[in-house]
Protein backbone atom coordinates (compact mmCIF):
# COMPACT_ATOMS: atom_id res chain seq x y z
CA MET A 1 21.43 5.90 28.69
CA PRO A 2 18.68 3.95 26.71
CA SER A 3 17.95 4.84 23.18
CA ILE A 4 15.06 4.36 20.77
CA TYR A 5 17.37 2.45 18.54
CA GLU A 6 18.27 -0.15 21.27
CA ALA A 7 14.33 -0.43 22.04
CA LEU A 8 13.83 -1.39 18.40
CA GLN A 9 16.54 -3.81 18.37
CA ASP A 10 15.46 -5.45 21.53
CA SER A 11 11.59 -5.73 20.34
CA ARG A 12 9.44 -6.06 17.49
CA PRO A 13 6.36 -3.80 17.36
CA GLN A 14 3.03 -5.69 17.34
CA ARG A 15 1.65 -4.53 14.06
CA GLN A 16 -1.76 -5.71 14.59
CA LYS A 17 -2.22 -3.97 17.84
CA LEU A 18 -0.65 -0.74 16.55
CA MET A 19 -3.00 -0.85 13.55
CA GLN A 20 -6.03 -1.35 15.85
CA LEU A 21 -4.87 1.60 18.00
CA TYR A 22 -4.40 3.88 15.01
CA ILE A 23 -7.93 2.77 13.77
CA LYS A 24 -9.53 3.98 17.04
CA GLN A 25 -8.37 7.39 16.07
CA ILE A 26 -10.66 7.35 12.95
CA PRO A 27 -13.99 9.19 13.64
CA VAL A 28 -17.11 6.83 13.45
CA GLU A 29 -19.02 9.42 11.50
CA GLY A 30 -18.47 9.72 7.69
CA ARG A 31 -16.47 7.52 5.64
CA PRO A 32 -12.84 7.18 6.13
CA LEU A 33 -10.49 7.73 3.09
CA LEU A 34 -7.74 5.39 2.75
CA ALA A 35 -4.76 5.55 0.43
CA GLY A 36 -2.60 2.64 -0.64
CA ASP A 37 0.75 2.73 -2.39
CA HIS A 38 4.01 0.84 -3.29
CA THR A 39 7.23 2.53 -2.60
CA ASN A 40 10.79 1.46 -3.43
CA TRP A 41 13.71 1.89 -1.21
CA PRO A 42 16.80 1.86 -3.44
CA ARG A 43 19.64 0.06 -2.20
CA PRO A 44 21.79 -0.63 -5.17
CA ASP A 45 25.23 -0.75 -3.35
CA ALA A 46 24.02 -2.93 -0.57
CA VAL A 47 25.13 -6.20 -1.81
CA THR A 48 24.86 -8.04 1.49
CA LEU A 49 21.28 -6.92 2.11
CA GLN A 50 19.00 -9.83 1.92
CA GLU A 51 15.83 -9.83 -0.26
CA ARG A 52 16.79 -7.17 -2.62
CA THR A 53 14.36 -7.04 -5.63
CA TYR A 54 14.05 -5.10 -8.82
CA GLU A 55 11.70 -2.23 -8.12
CA HIS A 56 10.34 0.46 -10.31
CA SER A 57 11.81 3.89 -9.94
CA GLY A 58 9.92 7.00 -10.85
CA THR A 59 13.13 8.80 -11.71
CA SER A 60 15.73 7.40 -14.20
CA ILE A 61 18.82 8.56 -15.73
CA ALA A 62 18.50 9.30 -19.42
CA GLU A 63 18.49 6.29 -21.63
CA ASN A 64 18.21 3.94 -18.60
CA LYS A 65 15.39 1.86 -17.66
CA PRO A 66 13.20 3.10 -14.69
CA ILE A 67 14.29 0.36 -12.27
CA THR A 68 16.52 0.09 -9.34
CA ILE A 69 17.53 -2.60 -6.86
CA GLY A 70 16.55 -2.54 -3.39
CA GLN A 71 13.19 -3.32 -1.33
CA GLY A 72 9.59 -2.57 -1.86
CA TYR A 73 7.20 -1.40 0.84
CA SER A 74 3.47 -1.33 0.90
CA THR A 75 1.66 1.34 2.79
CA ILE A 76 -2.14 1.84 3.44
CA ALA A 77 -2.94 5.10 5.28
CA TRP A 78 -5.79 7.03 6.56
CA ILE A 79 -6.07 10.49 5.17
CA PRO A 80 -7.81 12.53 7.82
CA GLU A 81 -8.17 15.86 6.35
CA LYS A 82 -9.79 17.39 3.24
CA SER A 83 -6.78 19.63 2.94
CA GLY A 84 -3.48 19.33 4.54
CA SER A 85 -0.22 17.02 4.14
CA TRP A 86 -0.27 14.27 6.82
CA ALA A 87 -1.53 10.94 6.97
CA LEU A 88 -1.73 7.94 9.54
CA PRO A 89 -0.06 4.90 8.32
CA LEU A 90 -2.27 1.94 9.36
CA ARG A 91 0.11 -0.72 7.87
CA HIS A 92 3.44 -0.15 6.44
CA GLU A 93 5.26 -3.38 5.55
CA ARG A 94 8.06 -4.70 3.19
CA ILE A 95 7.12 -6.65 0.22
CA THR A 96 9.31 -9.77 0.34
CA SER A 97 10.48 -11.51 -2.82
CA ALA A 98 7.89 -14.17 -2.31
CA GLU A 99 5.17 -11.52 -2.58
CA SER A 100 3.75 -9.26 -5.04
CA PRO A 101 2.69 -5.42 -4.53
CA ILE A 102 -0.93 -6.36 -5.45
CA GLY A 103 -1.01 -9.37 -3.06
CA LYS A 104 0.43 -7.40 -0.27
CA ALA A 105 -1.94 -4.49 -0.67
CA VAL A 106 -5.09 -6.67 -0.84
CA TRP A 107 -3.93 -8.28 2.30
CA GLN A 108 -3.41 -4.93 4.06
CA LEU A 109 -6.92 -3.60 2.81
CA LYS A 110 -8.61 -6.88 4.26
CA GLN A 111 -6.73 -6.40 7.47
CA VAL A 112 -7.76 -2.66 7.80
CA CYS A 113 -11.44 -3.08 6.58
CA LYS A 114 -12.09 -5.90 9.27
CA HIS A 115 -11.68 -3.35 12.10
CA LEU A 116 -13.42 -0.22 10.55
CA ALA A 117 -16.97 0.82 11.69
CA THR A 118 -17.87 2.10 8.37
CA ARG A 119 -17.15 1.25 4.65
CA PRO A 120 -14.19 3.24 3.63
CA ILE A 121 -13.23 4.83 0.24
CA SER A 122 -9.85 3.60 -0.81
CA VAL A 123 -7.60 5.32 -3.45
CA TRP A 124 -4.82 3.57 -5.48
CA ASP A 125 -2.27 4.64 -7.99
CA SER A 126 -2.09 3.24 -11.56
CA GLU A 127 -0.13 0.27 -10.43
CA TYR A 128 -3.38 -1.26 -8.97
CA GLY A 129 -5.48 -0.24 -12.16
CA CYS A 130 -5.64 -3.86 -13.40
CA ALA A 131 -7.94 -6.84 -13.36
CA PRO A 132 -6.00 -8.88 -10.82
CA PHE A 133 -6.32 -6.24 -8.01
CA LEU A 134 -10.07 -5.59 -8.91
CA LEU A 135 -10.88 -9.26 -8.82
CA LYS A 136 -8.98 -9.80 -5.68
CA THR A 137 -10.65 -6.85 -3.74
CA ALA A 138 -14.28 -7.47 -4.99
CA SER A 139 -15.28 -9.13 -1.72
CA ILE A 140 -13.46 -6.50 0.56
CA PRO A 141 -16.03 -4.04 2.03
CA ALA A 142 -14.51 -0.94 0.57
CA ASP A 143 -15.20 1.39 -2.37
CA ILE A 144 -11.93 1.46 -4.52
CA LEU A 145 -11.01 4.38 -6.78
CA VAL A 146 -7.90 3.49 -8.87
CA ARG A 147 -6.00 5.82 -11.25
CA LEU A 148 -5.63 4.35 -14.77
CA ARG A 149 -2.42 4.59 -16.79
CA SER A 150 -2.72 7.09 -19.71
CA ASN A 151 -1.77 4.48 -22.27
CA LEU A 152 -4.21 1.92 -20.98
CA CYS A 153 -6.66 0.49 -23.71
CA LEU A 154 -9.82 -1.08 -22.41
CA TRP A 155 -11.65 -3.38 -24.77
CA GLY A 156 -13.51 -6.81 -24.73
CA GLU A 157 -16.88 -7.99 -23.57
CA GLN A 158 -18.38 -6.31 -20.61
CA SER A 159 -17.92 -8.55 -17.53
CA SER A 160 -20.46 -8.98 -14.68
CA LEU A 161 -17.94 -7.21 -12.45
CA PHE A 162 -18.72 -3.75 -14.20
CA ARG A 163 -22.47 -4.03 -14.54
């Protein structure tokens, strides 16, 4: 009797085609809302797992640093409803040790925006509230809303990017 696990072991899903199929579900009227995030998958005891990296962890034990050992994943999803709790992941990929969360997110946003009929609004967590992310996304046809860290201090001369 075949199982879904055997099917996944036998083949690799074609991510680009899946993303294009998912994008066809987005209505062409209105502006799509996209959300991007970096999530960790803690695997501290999996010593034989390849490509483990140090990942930020939102939960920490008292007096410990908020990090874990595991793998990082970057997701960009379409948020279809003004209220509700589901989203359609357009890209969900592991961040290898040779990549950065920002680099992966920029690449994913470019891939998605190439296939959208209208300019999206994309929202990002505070990890992306930095100059490297804003500079790397400046040429992507998307409006970006980023949450800033509460302890962030903005200072310096006004740049042409913010005029």
